[in-house]
Amino acid sequence: MNIMLFHSTYGLRPAVRAAADRLRAAGHEVWTPDLFEGRTFDTVEEGMAYNDEIGKDELLKRAVLAAAPYSERGLVYAGFSLGASVAQTLALGDARARGLLLLHGTSDLAPNVSVDGLPVQLHVAEPDQFETDDWLSAWYLQMGRAGADVEIYRYAGAGHLYTDPELPDHDAEAAEATWRVALGFLESL
């Protein structure tokens, strides 16, 4: 698979590069665009402040420009938290998208969005302060109405960004389970 992997609000940190290497070791081609142009952050608050400074439209523009040269190959869009939101937006707007792998995050759906059986897999903590039960239920129904084929995996007791070993949220057992299931998902596409 050709995978476009977007970073979280912390920026393009070592955990994102390690995830890309893990995917490459499984035989996938992976790109990790730096939407923050070299900036990384130590806290969610710092990252969100920078994200607010550049704005959603600019962030999506950067993502589209990063993906455009490869989209004709049929990309799997993937991302961590904020990057998952970006990945979802791009995948739902790309008729050639092969799949969508969401780690720790989702996004609003554009009105009248429609996809034809797009495979989607979401991995999220339970509970998750950014992905509440009510939100996830509504998101799941909206994705189904849009035509996506959605699987959701919840990890009880894990922190929001539990796959990043450098963050307090890290949960090694949940992270390994996530990667095992995610790699199987990618192999099925």
C-alpha atoms as a PDB file:
ATOM      1  CA  MET A   1       0.000   0.000   0.000  1.00  0.00           C
ATOM      2  CA  ASN A   2       0.907   3.628  -0.485  1.00  0.00           C
ATOM      3  CA  ILE A   3       0.290   5.383   2.826  1.00  0.00           C
ATOM      4  CA  MET A   4       0.146   9.109   3.583  1.00  0.00           C
ATOM      5  CA  LEU A   5       0.699   9.350   7.364  1.00  0.00           C
ATOM      6  CA  PHE A   6      -0.082  12.650   9.099  1.00  0.00           C
ATOM      7  CA  HIS A   7       1.353  13.683  12.474  1.00  0.00           C
ATOM      8  CA  SER A   8      -0.511  14.852  15.564  1.00  0.00           C
ATOM      9  CA  THR A   9      -0.640  18.325  17.065  1.00  0.00           C
ATOM     10  CA  TYR A  10       2.775  17.590  18.596  1.00  0.00           C
ATOM     11  CA  GLY A  11       4.303  17.768  15.107  1.00  0.00           C
ATOM     12  CA  LEU A  12       6.471  15.312  13.208  1.00  0.00           C
ATOM     13  CA  ARG A  13       8.008  13.602  16.232  1.00  0.00           C
ATOM     14  CA  PRO A  14      10.128  10.427  16.458  1.00  0.00           C
ATOM     15  CA  ALA A  15       7.027   8.300  17.169  1.00  0.00           C
ATOM     16  CA  VAL A  16       5.572   9.214  13.761  1.00  0.00           C
ATOM     17  CA  ARG A  17       8.826   8.328  12.026  1.00  0.00           C
ATOM     18  CA  ALA A  18       8.966   5.050  13.974  1.00  0.00           C
ATOM     19  CA  ALA A  19       5.394   4.253  12.916  1.00  0.00           C
ATOM     20  CA  ALA A  20       6.324   4.955   9.286  1.00  0.00           C
ATOM     21  CA  ASP A  21       9.342   2.656   9.626  1.00  0.00           C
ATOM     22  CA  ARG A  22       7.123  -0.057  11.081  1.00  0.00           C
ATOM     23  CA  LEU A  23       4.776   0.256   8.108  1.00  0.00           C
ATOM     24  CA  ARG A  24       7.695   0.211   5.658  1.00  0.00           C
ATOM     25  CA  ALA A  25       9.051  -2.947   7.316  1.00  0.00           C
ATOM     26  CA  ALA A  26       5.673  -4.536   6.548  1.00  0.00           C
ATOM     27  CA  GLY A  27       6.172  -3.716   2.860  1.00  0.00           C
ATOM     28  CA  HIS A  28       4.299  -0.424   2.517  1.00  0.00           C
ATOM     29  CA  GLU A  29       5.477   2.815   0.945  1.00  0.00           C
ATOM     30  CA  VAL A  30       4.932   5.645   3.436  1.00  0.00           C
ATOM     31  CA  TRP A  31       5.148   9.429   3.314  1.00  0.00           C
ATOM     32  CA  THR A  32       5.132  11.569   6.464  1.00  0.00           C
ATOM     33  CA  PRO A  33       4.552  15.189   5.464  1.00  0.00           C
ATOM     34  CA  ASP A  34       5.524  17.822   7.982  1.00  0.00           C
ATOM     35  CA  LEU A  35       2.467  20.065   8.161  1.00  0.00           C
ATOM     36  CA  PHE A  36       4.105  22.195  10.863  1.00  0.00           C
ATOM     37  CA  GLU A  37       7.220  22.905   8.761  1.00  0.00           C
ATOM     38  CA  GLY A  38       9.742  21.603  11.280  1.00  0.00           C
ATOM     39  CA  ARG A  39       8.027  22.726  14.472  1.00  0.00           C
ATOM     40  CA  THR A  40       7.359  20.211  17.224  1.00  0.00           C
ATOM     41  CA  PHE A  41       5.754  20.775  20.602  1.00  0.00           C
ATOM     42  CA  ASP A  42       6.014  19.362  24.103  1.00  0.00           C
ATOM     43  CA  THR A  43       2.364  19.870  25.051  1.00  0.00           C
ATOM     44  CA  VAL A  44      -1.011  19.561  23.371  1.00  0.00           C
ATOM     45  CA  GLU A  45      -1.729  23.175  24.283  1.00  0.00           C
ATOM     46  CA  GLU A  46       1.386  24.451  22.467  1.00  0.00           C
ATOM     47  CA  GLY A  47       0.604  22.359  19.417  1.00  0.00           C
ATOM     48  CA  MET A  48      -3.021  23.452  19.307  1.00  0.00           C
ATOM     49  CA  ALA A  49      -2.004  27.102  19.671  1.00  0.00           C
ATOM     50  CA  TYR A  50       0.286  26.729  16.654  1.00  0.00           C
ATOM     51  CA  ASN A  51      -2.432  24.878  14.749  1.00  0.00           C
ATOM     52  CA  ASP A  52      -4.855  27.717  15.518  1.00  0.00           C
ATOM     53  CA  GLU A  53      -2.228  30.234  14.389  1.00  0.00           C
ATOM     54  CA  ILE A  54      -1.806  28.638  10.962  1.00  0.00           C
ATOM     55  CA  GLY A  55      -5.532  27.853  10.669  1.00  0.00           C
ATOM     56  CA  LYS A  56      -7.485  24.847   9.453  1.00  0.00           C
ATOM     57  CA  ASP A  57      -7.577  25.982   5.822  1.00  0.00           C
ATOM     58  CA  GLU A  58      -3.798  26.385   5.650  1.00  0.00           C
ATOM     59  CA  LEU A  59      -3.254  23.040   7.386  1.00  0.00           C
ATOM     60  CA  LEU A  60      -5.531  21.282   4.878  1.00  0.00           C
ATOM     61  CA  LYS A  61      -3.853  23.106   1.996  1.00  0.00           C
ATOM     62  CA  ARG A  62      -0.472  21.812   3.155  1.00  0.00           C
ATOM     63  CA  ALA A  63      -1.885  18.292   3.444  1.00  0.00           C
ATOM     64  CA  VAL A  64      -3.459  18.376  -0.013  1.00  0.00           C
ATOM     65  CA  LEU A  65      -0.220  19.647  -1.554  1.00  0.00           C
ATOM     66  CA  ALA A  66       1.722  16.863   0.183  1.00  0.00           C
ATOM     67  CA  ALA A  67      -0.674  14.138  -0.978  1.00  0.00           C
ATOM     68  CA  ALA A  68      -1.376  15.392  -4.508  1.00  0.00           C
ATOM     69  CA  PRO A  69       1.753  13.958  -6.183  1.00  0.00           C
ATOM     70  CA  TYR A  70       0.870  10.474  -4.902  1.00  0.00           C
ATOM     71  CA  SER A  71      -2.939  10.384  -4.923  1.00  0.00           C
ATOM     72  CA  GLU A  72      -3.166   8.824  -8.378  1.00  0.00           C
ATOM     73  CA  ARG A  73      -1.528   5.719  -6.874  1.00  0.00           C
ATOM     74  CA  GLY A  74      -4.543   5.154  -4.634  1.00  0.00           C
ATOM     75  CA  LEU A  75      -3.461   6.210  -1.165  1.00  0.00           C
ATOM     76  CA  VAL A  76      -4.368   4.916   2.235  1.00  0.00           C
ATOM     77  CA  TYR A  77      -4.703   8.032   4.361  1.00  0.00           C
ATOM     78  CA  ALA A  78      -3.637   7.655   7.978  1.00  0.00           C
ATOM     79  CA  GLY A  79      -2.945   9.929  10.893  1.00  0.00           C
ATOM     80  CA  PHE A  80      -2.513  10.447  14.601  1.00  0.00           C
ATOM     81  CA  SER A  81      -5.116  12.562  16.449  1.00  0.00           C
ATOM     82  CA  LEU A  82      -5.105  15.910  14.585  1.00  0.00           C
ATOM     83  CA  GLY A  83      -3.454  14.064  11.701  1.00  0.00           C
ATOM     84  CA  ALA A  84      -6.318  11.566  11.713  1.00  0.00           C
ATOM     85  CA  SER A  85      -8.713  14.459  11.267  1.00  0.00           C
ATOM     86  CA  VAL A  86      -6.664  15.656   8.291  1.00  0.00           C
ATOM     87  CA  ALA A  87      -6.440  12.120   6.870  1.00  0.00           C
ATOM     88  CA  GLN A  88     -10.212  11.675   7.149  1.00  0.00           C
ATOM     89  CA  THR A  89     -10.907  14.930   5.320  1.00  0.00           C
ATOM     90  CA  LEU A  90      -8.553  14.031   2.475  1.00  0.00           C
ATOM     91  CA  ALA A  91      -9.700  10.419   2.167  1.00  0.00           C
ATOM     92  CA  LEU A  92     -13.367  11.380   1.972  1.00  0.00           C
ATOM     93  CA  GLY A  93     -12.530  13.840  -0.797  1.00  0.00           C
ATOM     94  CA  ASP A  94     -10.318  11.514  -2.862  1.00  0.00           C
ATOM     95  CA  ALA A  95     -12.223   9.098  -5.108  1.00  0.00           C
ATOM     96  CA  ARG A  96      -9.016   7.029  -5.504  1.00  0.00           C
ATOM     97  CA  ALA A  97      -8.483   6.537  -1.749  1.00  0.00           C
ATOM     98  CA  ARG A  98      -7.902   2.872  -0.910  1.00  0.00           C
ATOM     99  CA  GLY A  99      -8.501   3.159   2.831  1.00  0.00           C
ATOM    100  CA  LEU A 100      -8.458   5.294   5.947  1.00  0.00           C
ATOM    101  CA  LEU A 101      -6.553   4.403   9.128  1.00  0.00           C
ATOM    102  CA  LEU A 102      -7.410   6.676  12.050  1.00  0.00           C
ATOM    103  CA  LEU A 103      -5.279   6.583  15.189  1.00  0.00           C
ATOM    104  CA  HIS A 104      -6.626   8.549  18.155  1.00  0.00           C
ATOM    105  CA  GLY A 105      -8.927  10.865  16.242  1.00  0.00           C
ATOM    106  CA  THR A 106     -11.783  11.635  13.866  1.00  0.00           C
ATOM    107  CA  SER A 107     -13.279  14.725  12.304  1.00  0.00           C
ATOM    108  CA  ASP A 108     -16.566  16.284  11.276  1.00  0.00           C
ATOM    109  CA  LEU A 109     -17.912  15.085   7.955  1.00  0.00           C
ATOM    110  CA  ALA A 110     -18.677  17.517   5.175  1.00  0.00           C
ATOM    111  CA  PRO A 111     -22.370  17.697   4.278  1.00  0.00           C
ATOM    112  CA  ASN A 112     -23.425  15.237   1.589  1.00  0.00           C
ATOM    113  CA  VAL A 113     -20.069  13.434   1.546  1.00  0.00           C
ATOM    114  CA  SER A 114     -20.298  10.070  -0.174  1.00  0.00           C
ATOM    115  CA  VAL A 115     -17.834   7.212  -0.571  1.00  0.00           C
ATOM    116  CA  ASP A 116     -18.332   3.791  -2.078  1.00  0.00           C
ATOM    117  CA  GLY A 117     -17.440   1.258   0.612  1.00  0.00           C
ATOM    118  CA  LEU A 118     -14.235   3.006   1.720  1.00  0.00           C
ATOM    119  CA  PRO A 119     -12.549   0.758   4.329  1.00  0.00           C
ATOM    120  CA  VAL A 120     -12.044   2.725   7.553  1.00  0.00           C
ATOM    121  CA  GLN A 121     -10.418   1.581  10.769  1.00  0.00           C
ATOM    122  CA  LEU A 122     -10.366   3.698  13.945  1.00  0.00           C
ATOM    123  CA  HIS A 123      -8.256   3.016  17.053  1.00  0.00           C
ATOM    124  CA  VAL A 124      -9.096   5.148  20.072  1.00  0.00           C
ATOM    125  CA  ALA A 125      -8.758   5.142  23.851  1.00  0.00           C
ATOM    126  CA  GLU A 126     -11.727   4.394  26.081  1.00  0.00           C
ATOM    127  CA  PRO A 127     -12.563   6.833  27.494  1.00  0.00           C
ATOM    128  CA  ASP A 128     -10.954   9.564  25.418  1.00  0.00           C
ATOM    129  CA  GLN A 129     -11.387  13.225  26.308  1.00  0.00           C
ATOM    130  CA  PHE A 130     -11.240  14.243  22.633  1.00  0.00           C
ATOM    131  CA  GLU A 131     -13.349  11.363  21.244  1.00  0.00           C
ATOM    132  CA  THR A 132     -16.318  11.001  23.608  1.00  0.00           C
ATOM    133  CA  ASP A 133     -18.790   8.121  23.396  1.00  0.00           C
ATOM    134  CA  ASP A 134     -21.577  10.364  22.086  1.00  0.00           C
ATOM    135  CA  TRP A 135     -19.290  11.870  19.456  1.00  0.00           C
ATOM    136  CA  LEU A 136     -18.060   8.450  18.318  1.00  0.00           C
ATOM    137  CA  SER A 137     -21.594   7.077  18.043  1.00  0.00           C
ATOM    138  CA  ALA A 138     -22.689  10.012  15.888  1.00  0.00           C
ATOM    139  CA  TRP A 139     -19.484   9.834  13.818  1.00  0.00           C
ATOM    140  CA  TYR A 140     -19.966   6.093  13.217  1.00  0.00           C
ATOM    141  CA  LEU A 141     -23.538   6.611  12.004  1.00  0.00           C
ATOM    142  CA  GLN A 142     -22.506   9.495   9.740  1.00  0.00           C
ATOM    143  CA  MET A 143     -19.648   7.495   8.240  1.00  0.00           C
ATOM    144  CA  GLY A 144     -22.024   4.593   7.591  1.00  0.00           C
ATOM    145  CA  ARG A 145     -24.538   6.884   5.900  1.00  0.00           C
ATOM    146  CA  ALA A 146     -21.695   8.260   3.769  1.00  0.00           C
ATOM    147  CA  GLY A 147     -20.974   4.719   2.547  1.00  0.00           C
ATOM    148  CA  ALA A 148     -17.824   3.901   4.525  1.00  0.00           C
ATOM    149  CA  ASP A 149     -17.132   0.412   5.886  1.00  0.00           C
ATOM    150  CA  VAL A 150     -16.068   1.285   9.449  1.00  0.00           C
ATOM    151  CA  GLU A 151     -14.381  -0.726  12.205  1.00  0.00           C
ATOM    152  CA  ILE A 152     -13.774   0.826  15.631  1.00  0.00           C
ATOM    153  CA  TYR A 153     -11.310  -0.516  18.199  1.00  0.00           C
ATOM    154  CA  ARG A 154     -11.387   0.890  21.748  1.00  0.00           C
ATOM    155  CA  TYR A 155      -8.605   0.495  24.320  1.00  0.00           C
ATOM    156  CA  ALA A 156      -9.829   0.716  27.906  1.00  0.00           C
ATOM    157  CA  GLY A 157      -7.629   2.714  30.232  1.00  0.00           C
ATOM    158  CA  ALA A 158      -5.214   3.934  27.556  1.00  0.00           C
ATOM    159  CA  GLY A 159      -4.402   7.631  27.239  1.00  0.00           C
ATOM    160  CA  HIS A 160      -5.384   9.672  24.183  1.00  0.00           C
ATOM    161  CA  LEU A 161      -2.129   9.330  22.193  1.00  0.00           C
ATOM    162  CA  TYR A 162      -1.220   5.927  23.635  1.00  0.00           C
ATOM    163  CA  THR A 163       0.954   4.787  20.702  1.00  0.00           C
ATOM    164  CA  ASP A 164       3.630   7.449  21.354  1.00  0.00           C
ATOM    165  CA  PRO A 165       6.210   6.017  23.801  1.00  0.00           C
ATOM    166  CA  GLU A 166       7.539   9.496  24.638  1.00  0.00           C
ATOM    167  CA  LEU A 167       4.218  10.768  25.991  1.00  0.00           C
ATOM    168  CA  PRO A 168       2.533  10.180  29.370  1.00  0.00           C
ATOM    169  CA  ASP A 169      -0.464   8.664  27.509  1.00  0.00           C
ATOM    170  CA  HIS A 170       1.636   5.739  26.281  1.00  0.00           C
ATOM    171  CA  ASP A 171       0.235   2.263  26.822  1.00  0.00           C
ATOM    172  CA  ALA A 172       2.577  -0.398  25.416  1.00  0.00           C
ATOM    173  CA  GLU A 173      -0.013  -3.189  25.399  1.00  0.00           C
ATOM    174  CA  ALA A 174      -2.674  -1.072  23.652  1.00  0.00           C
ATOM    175  CA  ALA A 175      -0.079   0.234  21.184  1.00  0.00           C
ATOM    176  CA  GLU A 176       1.034  -3.272  20.199  1.00  0.00           C
ATOM    177  CA  ALA A 177      -2.578  -4.415  19.837  1.00  0.00           C
ATOM    178  CA  THR A 178      -3.288  -1.378  17.656  1.00  0.00           C
ATOM    179  CA  TRP A 179      -0.363  -2.053  15.341  1.00  0.00           C
ATOM    180  CA  ARG A 180      -1.210  -5.754  15.064  1.00  0.00           C
ATOM    181  CA  VAL A 181      -4.789  -4.992  14.008  1.00  0.00           C
ATOM    182  CA  ALA A 182      -3.812  -2.031  11.812  1.00  0.00           C
ATOM    183  CA  LEU A 183      -1.219  -4.054   9.902  1.00  0.00           C
ATOM    184  CA  GLY A 184      -3.837  -6.737   9.289  1.00  0.00           C
ATOM    185  CA  PHE A 185      -6.235  -4.056   8.013  1.00  0.00           C
ATOM    186  CA  LEU A 186      -3.627  -2.719   5.601  1.00  0.00           C
ATOM    187  CA  GLU A 187      -2.871  -6.222   4.339  1.00  0.00           C
ATOM    188  CA  SER A 188      -6.577  -6.725   3.584  1.00  0.00           C
ATOM    189  CA  LEU A 189      -6.805  -3.701   1.281  1.00  0.00           C
END
